[in-house]
C-alpha atoms as a PDB file:
ATOM      1  CA  MET A   1     -68.106  35.753 -12.800  1.00  0.00           C
ATOM      2  CA  ARG A   2     -67.216  38.112 -10.041  1.00  0.00           C
ATOM      3  CA  SER A   3     -66.924  36.885  -6.431  1.00  0.00           C
ATOM      4  CA  ARG A   4     -68.942  38.908  -3.981  1.00  0.00           C
ATOM      5  CA  VAL A   5     -68.402  39.512  -0.313  1.00  0.00           C
ATOM      6  CA  PRO A   6     -71.630  38.827   1.606  1.00  0.00           C
ATOM      7  CA  ASP A   7     -73.392  41.710   3.282  1.00  0.00           C
ATOM      8  CA  MET A   8     -72.180  42.474   6.796  1.00  0.00           C
ATOM      9  CA  PRO A   9     -75.416  41.438   8.629  1.00  0.00           C
ATOM     10  CA  VAL A  10     -75.536  38.112   6.733  1.00  0.00           C
ATOM     11  CA  ALA A  11     -71.835  37.453   7.397  1.00  0.00           C
ATOM     12  CA  LEU A  12     -72.238  38.218  11.110  1.00  0.00           C
ATOM     13  CA  THR A  13     -75.274  35.935  11.321  1.00  0.00           C
ATOM     14  CA  MET A  14     -73.319  33.111   9.662  1.00  0.00           C
ATOM     15  CA  LEU A  15     -70.393  33.739  12.020  1.00  0.00           C
ATOM     16  CA  TRP A  16     -72.623  33.587  15.118  1.00  0.00           C
ATOM     17  CA  VAL A  17     -74.260  30.384  13.862  1.00  0.00           C
ATOM     18  CA  TRP A  18     -70.849  28.744  13.433  1.00  0.00           C
ATOM     19  CA  ILE A  19     -69.658  29.991  16.814  1.00  0.00           C
ATOM     20  CA  GLY A  20     -72.844  28.519  18.351  1.00  0.00           C
ATOM     21  CA  ILE A  21     -72.297  25.159  16.639  1.00  0.00           C
ATOM     22  CA  VAL A  22     -68.667  24.971  17.794  1.00  0.00           C
ATOM     23  CA  ALA A  23     -69.565  26.040  21.350  1.00  0.00           C
ATOM     24  CA  LEU A  24     -72.388  23.460  21.516  1.00  0.00           C
ATOM     25  CA  SER A  25     -70.056  20.727  20.226  1.00  0.00           C
ATOM     26  CA  VAL A  26     -67.395  21.572  22.819  1.00  0.00           C
ATOM     27  CA  ALA A  27     -70.005  21.686  25.611  1.00  0.00           C
ATOM     28  CA  CYS A  28     -71.423  18.283  24.601  1.00  0.00           C
ATOM     29  CA  TRP A  29     -67.920  16.784  24.423  1.00  0.00           C
ATOM     30  CA  TRP A  30     -67.084  18.152  27.877  1.00  0.00           C
ATOM     31  CA  LEU A  31     -70.398  16.925  29.319  1.00  0.00           C
ATOM     32  CA  LEU A  32     -69.874  13.433  27.902  1.00  0.00           C
ATOM     33  CA  LYS A  33     -66.324  13.317  29.270  1.00  0.00           C
ATOM     34  CA  TRP A  34     -67.544  14.490  32.706  1.00  0.00           C
ATOM     35  CA  TRP A  35     -70.369  11.910  32.731  1.00  0.00           C
ATOM     36  CA  LYS A  36     -68.019   9.050  31.780  1.00  0.00           C
ATOM     37  CA  ARG A  37     -65.652  10.017  34.590  1.00  0.00           C
ATOM     38  CA  ARG A  38     -68.540   9.925  37.090  1.00  0.00           C
ATOM     39  CA  HIS A  39     -69.949   6.614  35.729  1.00  0.00           C
ATOM     40  CA  PRO A  40     -67.010   4.315  34.902  1.00  0.00           C
ATOM     41  CA  PRO A  41     -67.777   1.020  33.176  1.00  0.00           C
ATOM     42  CA  PRO A  42     -68.033  -1.997  35.462  1.00  0.00           C
ATOM     43  CA  ALA A  43     -64.785  -3.819  36.053  1.00  0.00           C
ATOM     44  CA  PRO A  44     -64.522  -7.084  34.143  1.00  0.00           C
ATOM     45  CA  GLU A  45     -65.088 -10.174  36.224  1.00  0.00           C
ATOM     46  CA  SER A  46     -61.757 -11.726  37.075  1.00  0.00           C
ATOM     47  CA  VAL A  47     -61.207 -15.180  35.656  1.00  0.00           C
ATOM     48  CA  LEU A  48     -59.244 -17.648  37.739  1.00  0.00           C
ATOM     49  CA  PRO A  49     -56.371 -19.463  36.062  1.00  0.00           C
ATOM     50  CA  TYR A  50     -57.169 -22.976  34.888  1.00  0.00           C
ATOM     51  CA  SER A  51     -55.260 -24.650  37.723  1.00  0.00           C
ATOM     52  CA  GLN A  52     -57.236 -22.737  40.368  1.00  0.00           C
ATOM     53  CA  ARG A  53     -60.567 -23.485  38.646  1.00  0.00           C
ATOM     54  CA  LEU A  54     -59.647 -27.169  38.491  1.00  0.00           C
ATOM     55  CA  ARG A  55     -58.636 -27.206  42.159  1.00  0.00           C
ATOM     56  CA  LYS A  56     -61.937 -25.578  43.129  1.00  0.00           C
ATOM     57  CA  ARG A  57     -63.943 -28.087  41.066  1.00  0.00           C
ATOM     58  CA  LEU A  58     -62.069 -31.045  42.551  1.00  0.00           C
ATOM     59  CA  ASN A  59     -62.566 -29.757  46.098  1.00  0.00           C
ATOM     60  CA  GLU A  60     -66.303 -29.393  45.485  1.00  0.00           C
ATOM     61  CA  HIS A  61     -66.406 -32.964  44.181  1.00  0.00           C
ATOM     62  CA  ARG A  62     -64.569 -34.222  47.271  1.00  0.00           C
ATOM     63  CA  LEU A  63     -67.027 -32.428  49.543  1.00  0.00           C
ATOM     64  CA  ASP A  64     -69.911 -34.070  47.673  1.00  0.00           C
ATOM     65  CA  LYS A  65     -68.393 -37.492  48.296  1.00  0.00           C
ATOM     66  CA  ARG A  66     -67.953 -36.797  52.010  1.00  0.00           C
ATOM     67  CA  THR A  67     -71.527 -35.620  52.526  1.00  0.00           C
ATOM     68  CA  GLY A  68     -73.039 -38.315  50.300  1.00  0.00           C
ATOM     69  CA  HIS A  69     -74.602 -35.904  47.813  1.00  0.00           C
ATOM     70  CA  HIS A  70     -73.528 -37.509  44.577  1.00  0.00           C
ATOM     71  CA  GLY A  71     -76.338 -36.122  42.456  1.00  0.00           C
ATOM     72  CA  ASP A  72     -76.902 -37.288  38.923  1.00  0.00           C
ATOM     73  CA  THR A  73     -73.482 -38.250  37.602  1.00  0.00           C
ATOM     74  CA  ALA A  74     -74.804 -38.684  34.050  1.00  0.00           C
ATOM     75  CA  SER A  75     -75.882 -35.037  33.861  1.00  0.00           C
ATOM     76  CA  ARG A  76     -72.623 -33.899  35.436  1.00  0.00           C
ATOM     77  CA  HIS A  77     -70.577 -35.615  32.752  1.00  0.00           C
ATOM     78  CA  GLY A  78     -72.833 -34.544  29.906  1.00  0.00           C
ATOM     79  CA  LYS A  79     -74.202 -38.014  29.096  1.00  0.00           C
END
């Protein structure tokens, strides 16, 4: 079996197809990178440390006691 070199017009057509595929891939990669830079993901919501969350909850409870709005204590405590 003898290996053959493809005809010049066929080889040039195959070359241009591959160049087109590579150029399209690079353009899509660049476009995606550009779009991501212009539309960054939203920043994650900051979570307070446990001590600060506890302090906030206790202060809210104290304010409820002062104003007389006790609400349903059974639902607050999960009973």
